[in-house]
Amino acid sequence: MYTYAFLEECVPFYPLYALLFADSGVSAGGISALFALWSAATFLLEIPSGVWADVVSRRRLLMFAPLLDAAGYALWAVAPSIWSFAVGFVLLGAGTALRSGALQALVYAELDRLGATAAYPRLIGRSQAAGGAAGLLATALAGPLVAVGGYPVVGAVSVAALLLCAAAGRALPEQRPVRGTGQAGPDGSAPSPDEDAGGGEGGSGLAVLRAALGVVRRCAPVRRALLLSAALTGIAALDEYVPLLVRDTGVAPATVPLLVLAVTAGSTLGGLVAGRGGRWLAALLAVAAVLLAVGAGSGAPVGIAGVAVAFGVFYWALAQADARLQDSLDDSSRATVTSLSGAGMEAVGIATFAAYGVGADGLGMPAHWLFAAAAVPYLLVALAGRRGRRVRPPPLRARRDPG
């Protein structure tokens, strides 16, 4: 799982694709439209891909997703144009949607089979940290690669990493029972849709979707975990603006990457300690919100330390919220409900981008005030969590006989 997460993010095209678009003659408005297309494609495919992951093999989806990403980057490197960029973003959105829900569901189900679900938040947090480390490595490699061979070489390395990611996905274990029979498929995976008891892909898919919506409607812990996960996604969206926040403190341009690295290190450490201290979730969220408001609002370089700690807590909390969600789900619709969470995350991310743009361009607010304002919703979430805290319910899944 760590290898998969690392290779998924070890893509040197990440820090360079906006430059490729601009060098190919795409305007700033056109680049924004491409980003919007990416988010829209992911949002629209989230729930259908989650249903698919519950009906067919989740491992197959995790193998297929990096291949879609690789196809998109190869298209950009070979035939750069506004149309190839648009098609590539649709492919990237589809790859993101296929992974979302399927990965969490596969990992939790396998841990459940081994009687080790308590390890889930730790695995998720460390995989986030592995992805963050890969992103740093890819960023460091991007400059030398483009200097050596331009965008084609960057594209080739990115495609190679994603092909290896697909191979890592093939190595993931999956032993799911055939729906309605209790038997596993020939490769340890779910059966094909026509083998399913639902009588075909359409029928079984609709049944899974209805079951997932029913779980969300009836189960308050599931709804709370979905809302918390979606709310915390705003922090991931703010990640894109951290360089602007650092620059707003007045440091020299050469210092900006170092302070951005400090925030990235905070996020990575938050992932590494995931799985510990879950009972302090609401209290630590409140502390993180205060640190973000004070650190960013100070407008001083020293305030970035508070921002780094706050980001670490937020990423830790995101892993905790994911674990609470998985603990409350039955495996038959696990990926579908998780994809509902992913759709909510995409919506919050789009709203965060829009709000930041309005605040920065429409209202002329500096970056440090925008980050300070972004802390307010998280303080409210923490206060709501303190008021509504209850004993964590047992998982809905049936307990298996140890024999």
Protein backbone atom coordinates (compact mmCIF):
# COMPACT_ATOMS: atom_id res chain seq x y z
CA MET A 1 0.00 0.00 0.00
CA TYR A 2 2.86 2.39 0.83
CA THR A 3 4.53 1.59 -2.49
CA TYR A 4 1.29 2.26 -4.34
CA ALA A 5 0.80 5.60 -2.54
CA PHE A 6 4.42 6.62 -3.22
CA LEU A 7 4.40 5.81 -6.93
CA GLU A 8 0.99 7.42 -7.40
CA GLU A 9 2.46 10.78 -6.32
CA CYS A 10 5.98 10.40 -7.73
CA VAL A 11 4.98 12.22 -10.92
CA PRO A 12 7.34 15.03 -12.06
CA PHE A 13 4.57 16.44 -14.27
CA TYR A 14 2.68 17.69 -11.19
CA PRO A 15 4.70 20.90 -10.62
CA LEU A 16 5.09 21.58 -14.35
CA TYR A 17 1.79 21.02 -16.12
CA ALA A 18 0.59 24.60 -15.62
CA LEU A 19 3.81 25.78 -17.27
CA LEU A 20 3.25 23.36 -20.16
CA PHE A 21 -0.24 24.78 -20.67
CA ALA A 22 1.06 28.35 -20.68
CA ASP A 23 3.96 27.49 -22.99
CA SER A 24 1.43 25.90 -25.37
CA GLY A 25 -0.52 29.15 -25.62
CA VAL A 26 -3.34 28.45 -23.18
CA SER A 27 -4.52 31.62 -21.42
CA ALA A 28 -4.93 31.99 -17.65
CA GLY A 29 -8.68 31.68 -18.09
CA GLY A 30 -8.19 28.56 -20.17
CA ILE A 31 -5.98 27.00 -17.50
CA SER A 32 -8.65 27.70 -14.86
CA ALA A 33 -11.23 26.07 -17.13
CA LEU A 34 -9.02 22.98 -17.45
CA PHE A 35 -8.72 22.71 -13.66
CA ALA A 36 -12.49 23.05 -13.38
CA LEU A 37 -12.92 20.27 -15.96
CA TRP A 38 -10.63 18.04 -13.88
CA SER A 39 -12.67 18.61 -10.72
CA ALA A 40 -15.96 18.17 -12.57
CA ALA A 41 -14.87 14.87 -14.13
CA THR A 42 -13.79 13.53 -10.74
CA PHE A 43 -17.00 14.69 -9.08
CA LEU A 44 -19.28 13.15 -11.70
CA LEU A 45 -17.47 9.80 -11.70
CA GLU A 46 -17.00 9.44 -7.92
CA ILE A 47 -20.24 7.66 -7.06
CA PRO A 48 -20.48 5.43 -10.20
CA SER A 49 -16.90 4.29 -9.62
CA GLY A 50 -17.67 3.52 -5.98
CA VAL A 51 -20.63 1.36 -7.00
CA TRP A 52 -18.42 -0.39 -9.55
CA ALA A 53 -15.81 -1.10 -6.85
CA ASP A 54 -18.46 -2.80 -4.71
CA VAL A 55 -19.77 -4.88 -7.64
CA VAL A 56 -16.49 -5.98 -9.26
CA SER A 57 -12.90 -6.34 -8.07
CA ARG A 58 -11.53 -3.32 -6.19
CA ARG A 59 -8.00 -4.42 -7.00
CA ARG A 60 -8.71 -4.26 -10.73
CA LEU A 61 -9.87 -0.68 -10.38
CA LEU A 62 -6.70 0.20 -8.46
CA MET A 63 -4.65 -1.34 -11.28
CA PHE A 64 -6.61 0.48 -13.97
CA ALA A 65 -6.59 3.94 -12.35
CA PRO A 66 -2.83 4.65 -12.76
CA LEU A 67 -3.04 3.50 -16.39
CA LEU A 68 -5.63 6.22 -17.06
CA ASP A 69 -3.33 8.79 -15.44
CA ALA A 70 -0.40 7.53 -17.50
CA ALA A 71 -2.43 7.83 -20.71
CA GLY A 72 -3.31 11.42 -19.86
CA TYR A 73 0.29 12.46 -19.21
CA ALA A 74 1.53 10.65 -22.31
CA LEU A 75 -1.03 12.50 -24.40
CA TRP A 76 0.17 15.84 -23.02
CA ALA A 77 3.82 15.05 -23.68
CA VAL A 78 3.29 13.74 -27.22
CA ALA A 79 0.62 16.12 -28.56
CA PRO A 80 0.33 19.26 -26.39
CA SER A 81 -2.76 21.29 -27.26
CA ILE A 82 -5.84 22.64 -25.52
CA TRP A 83 -7.83 19.61 -26.65
CA SER A 84 -5.28 17.04 -25.51
CA PHE A 85 -5.08 18.85 -22.16
CA ALA A 86 -8.86 18.62 -21.81
CA VAL A 87 -8.92 14.91 -22.67
CA GLY A 88 -6.00 14.32 -20.32
CA PHE A 89 -7.82 15.96 -17.42
CA VAL A 90 -10.87 13.81 -18.05
CA LEU A 91 -8.59 10.75 -17.88
CA LEU A 92 -6.98 12.04 -14.68
CA GLY A 93 -10.40 12.72 -13.17
CA ALA A 94 -11.50 9.18 -14.03
CA GLY A 95 -8.33 7.74 -12.47
CA THR A 96 -8.86 9.73 -9.29
CA ALA A 97 -12.48 8.59 -9.05
CA LEU A 98 -11.56 4.92 -9.58
CA ARG A 99 -9.07 5.05 -6.69
CA SER A 100 -11.38 6.98 -4.39
CA GLY A 101 -13.39 4.54 -2.30
CA ALA A 102 -11.85 1.43 -3.82
CA LEU A 103 -8.51 1.81 -2.01
CA GLN A 104 -9.99 2.49 1.42
CA ALA A 105 -12.55 -0.29 1.01
CA LEU A 106 -9.97 -2.86 -0.10
CA VAL A 107 -7.53 -2.04 2.70
CA TYR A 108 -10.16 -2.03 5.43
CA ALA A 109 -11.76 -5.25 4.22
CA GLU A 110 -8.42 -7.07 4.17
CA LEU A 111 -7.55 -5.78 7.65
CA ASP A 112 -10.97 -6.91 8.83
CA ARG A 113 -10.31 -10.37 7.43
CA LEU A 114 -7.06 -10.45 9.42
CA GLY A 115 -8.69 -9.08 12.58
CA ALA A 116 -6.48 -5.96 12.45
CA THR A 117 -8.85 -3.07 11.70
CA ALA A 118 -7.29 -1.05 14.54
CA ALA A 119 -4.27 -0.60 12.26
CA TYR A 120 -6.33 1.12 9.54
CA PRO A 121 -5.81 4.79 10.53
CA ARG A 122 -2.10 4.17 10.97
CA LEU A 123 -1.84 2.63 7.48
CA ILE A 124 -3.86 5.42 5.89
CA GLY A 125 -1.84 8.11 7.64
CA ARG A 126 1.48 6.58 6.67
CA SER A 127 0.37 6.15 3.09
CA GLN A 128 -0.48 9.87 3.04
CA ALA A 129 3.02 10.56 4.35
CA ALA A 130 4.52 8.32 1.66
CA GLY A 131 2.60 10.24 -0.99
CA GLY A 132 3.81 13.54 0.45
CA ALA A 133 7.43 12.38 0.38
CA ALA A 134 6.98 11.23 -3.22
CA GLY A 135 5.58 14.63 -4.14
CA LEU A 136 8.68 16.30 -2.72
CA LEU A 137 10.94 13.95 -4.68
CA ALA A 138 8.99 14.53 -7.89
CA THR A 139 9.24 18.29 -7.42
CA ALA A 140 13.00 18.03 -6.90
CA LEU A 141 13.36 15.92 -10.06
CA ALA A 142 11.15 18.09 -12.26
CA GLY A 143 13.69 20.86 -12.85
CA PRO A 144 16.62 18.63 -13.86
CA LEU A 145 14.38 16.47 -16.06
CA VAL A 146 12.92 19.38 -17.99
CA ALA A 147 16.42 20.83 -18.39
CA VAL A 148 17.72 17.56 -19.82
CA GLY A 149 14.94 16.66 -22.22
CA GLY A 150 12.04 19.06 -21.89
CA TYR A 151 8.45 18.02 -21.32
CA PRO A 152 8.75 14.70 -23.25
CA VAL A 153 11.30 13.39 -20.71
CA VAL A 154 9.16 14.61 -17.81
CA GLY A 155 6.21 12.80 -19.37
CA ALA A 156 8.19 9.59 -19.87
CA VAL A 157 9.31 9.47 -16.23
CA SER A 158 5.78 10.24 -15.04
CA VAL A 159 4.32 7.46 -17.19
CA ALA A 160 6.96 4.99 -15.95
CA ALA A 161 6.13 5.78 -12.32
CA LEU A 162 2.43 5.24 -12.96
CA LEU A 163 3.01 1.94 -14.75
CA LEU A 164 4.93 0.77 -11.69
CA CYS A 165 2.04 2.02 -9.57
CA ALA A 166 -0.34 -0.19 -11.56
CA ALA A 167 1.97 -3.14 -10.91
CA ALA A 168 1.91 -2.32 -7.18
CA GLY A 169 -1.88 -2.30 -7.35
CA ARG A 170 -1.79 -5.78 -8.85
CA ALA A 171 0.18 -6.95 -5.81
CA LEU A 172 -2.47 -5.80 -3.33
CA PRO A 173 -4.36 -8.69 -1.70
CA GLU A 174 -8.10 -9.07 -2.19
CA GLN A 175 -10.24 -11.92 -0.92
CA ARG A 176 -13.87 -10.88 -1.16
CA PRO A 177 -16.79 -13.34 -1.05
CA VAL A 178 -18.98 -13.74 -4.11
CA ARG A 179 -22.16 -11.82 -3.40
CA GLY A 180 -24.96 -14.16 -2.43
CA THR A 181 -22.78 -17.32 -2.30
CA GLY A 182 -20.12 -16.63 0.30
CA GLN A 183 -17.44 -17.92 -2.10
CA ALA A 184 -14.48 -16.02 -3.45
CA GLY A 185 -13.82 -15.51 -7.12
CA PRO A 186 -11.03 -17.43 -8.90
CA ASP A 187 -8.47 -14.72 -8.16
CA GLY A 188 -9.73 -14.01 -4.67
CA SER A 189 -11.87 -11.13 -5.89
CA ALA A 190 -15.52 -10.44 -6.37
CA PRO A 191 -17.34 -12.11 -9.25
CA SER A 192 -18.14 -10.50 -12.52
CA PRO A 193 -21.49 -8.67 -12.55
CA ASP A 194 -23.27 -11.42 -14.47
CA GLU A 195 -22.33 -13.89 -11.72
CA ASP A 196 -23.75 -11.64 -9.03
CA ALA A 197 -26.96 -12.58 -7.26
CA GLY A 198 -28.45 -9.29 -8.33
CA GLY A 199 -28.90 -10.65 -11.86
CA GLY A 200 -26.55 -8.43 -13.82
CA GLU A 201 -24.46 -5.31 -13.53
CA GLY A 202 -27.31 -2.81 -13.69
CA GLY A 203 -29.44 -4.55 -11.09
CA SER A 204 -26.62 -5.23 -8.63
CA GLY A 205 -25.20 -1.74 -9.07
CA LEU A 206 -28.53 -0.12 -8.32
CA ALA A 207 -28.96 -2.38 -5.30
CA VAL A 208 -25.56 -1.38 -3.96
CA LEU A 209 -26.30 2.32 -4.50
CA ARG A 210 -29.67 2.01 -2.72
CA ALA A 211 -28.00 0.19 0.16
CA ALA A 212 -25.31 2.87 0.47
CA LEU A 213 -27.84 5.71 0.46
CA GLY A 214 -29.87 3.82 3.05
CA VAL A 215 -26.83 3.53 5.33
CA VAL A 216 -26.16 7.26 5.10
CA ARG A 217 -29.81 8.05 5.75
CA ARG A 218 -30.20 5.78 8.76
CA CYS A 219 -26.79 5.90 10.45
CA ALA A 220 -25.87 9.12 12.25
CA PRO A 221 -22.20 8.11 12.86
CA VAL A 222 -21.77 7.59 9.12
CA ARG A 223 -23.24 11.01 8.36
CA ARG A 224 -20.98 12.68 10.92
CA ALA A 225 -17.89 10.97 9.53
CA LEU A 226 -18.86 11.94 5.96
CA LEU A 227 -19.34 15.57 6.95
CA LEU A 228 -16.09 15.70 8.92
CA SER A 229 -14.08 14.18 6.06
CA ALA A 230 -15.59 16.62 3.57
CA ALA A 231 -14.96 19.61 5.83
CA LEU A 232 -11.32 18.69 6.37
CA THR A 233 -10.78 18.53 2.61
CA GLY A 234 -10.77 22.33 2.56
CA ILE A 235 -7.30 22.15 4.11
CA ALA A 236 -6.05 20.04 1.20
CA ALA A 237 -7.39 22.71 -1.16
CA LEU A 238 -5.62 25.44 0.84
CA ASP A 239 -2.36 23.55 0.28
CA GLU A 240 -2.31 25.01 -3.23
CA TYR A 241 -2.09 28.53 -1.78
CA VAL A 242 0.60 27.98 0.87
CA PRO A 243 3.33 29.53 -1.37
CA LEU A 244 1.18 32.68 -1.64
CA LEU A 245 0.78 32.77 2.15
CA VAL A 246 4.53 32.43 2.64
CA ARG A 247 5.28 35.14 0.09
CA ASP A 248 2.77 37.39 1.87
CA THR A 249 4.95 37.31 4.99
CA GLY A 250 7.59 39.37 3.18
CA VAL A 251 10.41 36.83 3.10
CA ALA A 252 12.96 36.77 0.30
CA PRO A 253 11.97 34.66 -2.74
CA ALA A 254 14.73 32.16 -1.99
CA THR A 255 13.21 31.54 1.46
CA VAL A 256 9.72 30.76 0.18
CA PRO A 257 10.43 27.11 -0.75
CA LEU A 258 11.97 26.45 2.67
CA LEU A 259 8.90 27.67 4.55
CA VAL A 260 6.59 25.81 2.16
CA LEU A 261 8.66 22.71 2.92
CA ALA A 262 8.05 23.29 6.64
CA VAL A 263 4.28 23.18 6.09
CA THR A 264 4.65 20.06 3.94
CA ALA A 265 6.71 18.45 6.69
CA GLY A 266 3.96 19.24 9.19
CA SER A 267 1.37 17.55 6.98
CA THR A 268 3.62 14.52 6.54
CA LEU A 269 4.23 14.16 10.29
CA GLY A 270 0.48 14.39 10.86
CA GLY A 271 0.01 11.37 8.64
CA LEU A 272 2.77 9.45 10.37
CA VAL A 273 1.13 9.75 13.81
CA ALA A 274 -2.37 8.89 12.56
CA GLY A 275 -4.05 6.18 14.59
CA ARG A 276 -3.08 7.67 17.94
CA GLY A 277 -5.06 9.96 20.25
CA GLY A 278 -8.40 9.60 18.49
CA ARG A 279 -10.36 10.54 21.62
CA TRP A 280 -8.81 14.01 21.45
CA LEU A 281 -10.10 14.69 17.94
CA ALA A 282 -12.41 17.62 18.76
CA ALA A 283 -9.96 19.26 21.16
CA LEU A 284 -7.02 19.00 18.77
CA LEU A 285 -9.12 20.35 15.89
CA ALA A 286 -9.90 23.40 18.01
CA VAL A 287 -6.21 23.87 18.82
CA ALA A 288 -5.31 23.51 15.12
CA ALA A 289 -7.92 26.08 14.11
CA VAL A 290 -6.51 28.58 16.62
CA LEU A 291 -2.94 27.92 15.47
CA LEU A 292 -3.95 28.41 11.84
CA ALA A 293 -5.76 31.67 12.60
CA VAL A 294 -3.00 33.11 14.79
CA GLY A 295 -0.07 31.82 12.74
CA ALA A 296 -1.44 32.89 9.35
CA GLY A 297 -3.07 36.07 10.65
CA SER A 298 0.21 37.29 12.12
CA GLY A 299 1.53 37.87 8.61
CA ALA A 300 5.01 37.08 9.94
CA PRO A 301 7.43 34.33 8.90
CA VAL A 302 7.44 32.88 12.41
CA GLY A 303 3.69 32.34 12.10
CA ILE A 304 4.31 29.67 9.46
CA ALA A 305 5.39 27.37 12.30
CA GLY A 306 1.85 27.53 13.69
CA VAL A 307 0.45 26.89 10.23
CA ALA A 308 2.69 23.82 9.84
CA VAL A 309 1.51 22.36 13.16
CA ALA A 310 -2.12 23.10 12.25
CA PHE A 311 -1.79 21.32 8.91
CA GLY A 312 -0.27 18.33 10.65
CA VAL A 313 -3.25 18.10 13.00
CA PHE A 314 -5.72 18.50 10.15
CA TYR A 315 -4.16 15.69 8.11
CA TRP A 316 -4.05 13.51 11.22
CA ALA A 317 -7.74 14.27 11.78
CA LEU A 318 -8.56 13.38 8.17
CA ALA A 319 -7.15 9.88 8.70
CA GLN A 320 -9.12 9.59 11.96
CA ALA A 321 -12.36 10.60 10.23
CA ASP A 322 -11.74 8.06 7.47
CA ALA A 323 -11.19 5.33 10.07
CA ARG A 324 -14.42 6.20 11.87
CA LEU A 325 -16.29 6.04 8.61
CA GLN A 326 -14.89 2.64 7.67
CA ASP A 327 -15.64 1.24 11.15
CA SER A 328 -19.31 2.13 10.68
CA LEU A 329 -19.77 0.45 7.29
CA ASP A 330 -20.69 -2.96 5.98
CA ASP A 331 -18.37 -4.26 3.27
CA SER A 332 -21.16 -4.80 0.73
CA SER A 333 -21.43 -1.05 0.04
CA ARG A 334 -18.20 0.22 1.63
CA ALA A 335 -16.63 1.66 -1.54
CA THR A 336 -19.90 3.33 -2.59
CA VAL A 337 -20.35 5.15 0.73
CA THR A 338 -16.67 6.12 0.70
CA SER A 339 -17.15 7.53 -2.80
CA LEU A 340 -20.07 9.58 -1.50
CA SER A 341 -17.53 11.03 0.90
CA GLY A 342 -15.18 11.63 -2.03
CA ALA A 343 -17.89 13.49 -3.93
CA GLY A 344 -18.44 15.69 -0.89
CA MET A 345 -14.70 16.32 -0.70
CA GLU A 346 -14.60 17.42 -4.33
CA ALA A 347 -17.51 19.79 -3.72
CA VAL A 348 -15.78 21.32 -0.68
CA GLY A 349 -12.54 21.62 -2.63
CA ILE A 350 -14.26 23.46 -5.49
CA ALA A 351 -16.02 25.73 -2.99
CA THR A 352 -12.70 26.48 -1.27
CA PHE A 353 -11.05 27.41 -4.58
CA ALA A 354 -13.98 29.65 -5.44
CA ALA A 355 -14.03 31.33 -2.02
CA TYR A 356 -10.31 32.00 -2.14
CA GLY A 357 -10.59 33.49 -5.62
CA VAL A 358 -13.44 35.77 -4.58
CA GLY A 359 -11.61 36.85 -1.45
CA ALA A 360 -8.31 37.48 -3.21
CA ASP A 361 -9.49 38.98 -6.51
CA GLY A 362 -12.94 40.28 -5.66
CA LEU A 363 -12.32 41.65 -2.16
CA GLY A 364 -8.59 42.21 -2.39
CA MET A 365 -7.86 40.34 0.85
CA PRO A 366 -4.21 39.35 1.44
CA ALA A 367 -3.36 35.67 1.72
CA HIS A 368 -2.70 35.74 5.47
CA TRP A 369 -6.19 37.06 6.21
CA LEU A 370 -7.78 34.49 3.90
CA PHE A 371 -5.99 31.67 5.72
CA ALA A 372 -7.01 33.10 9.07
CA ALA A 373 -10.63 33.28 7.92
CA ALA A 374 -10.44 29.66 6.74
CA ALA A 375 -9.77 28.59 10.34
CA VAL A 376 -13.24 29.66 11.49
CA PRO A 377 -15.18 26.71 9.97
CA TYR A 378 -12.78 24.24 11.59
CA LEU A 379 -13.23 25.85 14.99
CA LEU A 380 -16.99 25.48 14.53
CA VAL A 381 -16.55 21.82 13.50
CA ALA A 382 -14.48 21.21 16.64
CA LEU A 383 -17.06 22.86 18.89
CA ALA A 384 -19.85 20.85 17.27
CA GLY A 385 -17.83 17.68 17.81
CA ARG A 386 -17.43 18.48 21.51
CA ARG A 387 -21.16 18.98 21.94
CA GLY A 388 -22.16 15.91 19.94
CA ARG A 389 -19.52 13.50 21.21
CA ARG A 390 -20.86 10.02 21.92
CA VAL A 391 -19.45 6.62 22.58
CA ARG A 392 -18.10 5.21 19.33
CA PRO A 393 -20.58 2.63 18.03
CA PRO A 394 -19.57 -0.92 17.16
CA PRO A 395 -19.10 -1.65 13.45
CA LEU A 396 -22.22 -2.58 11.51
CA ARG A 397 -20.44 -5.51 9.88
CA ALA A 398 -21.27 -8.96 11.24
CA ARG A 399 -18.69 -10.46 13.56
CA ARG A 400 -17.03 -13.51 12.08
CA ASP A 401 -16.65 -16.75 13.95
CA PRO A 402 -12.92 -17.04 14.79
CA GLY A 403 -13.13 -20.70 13.76
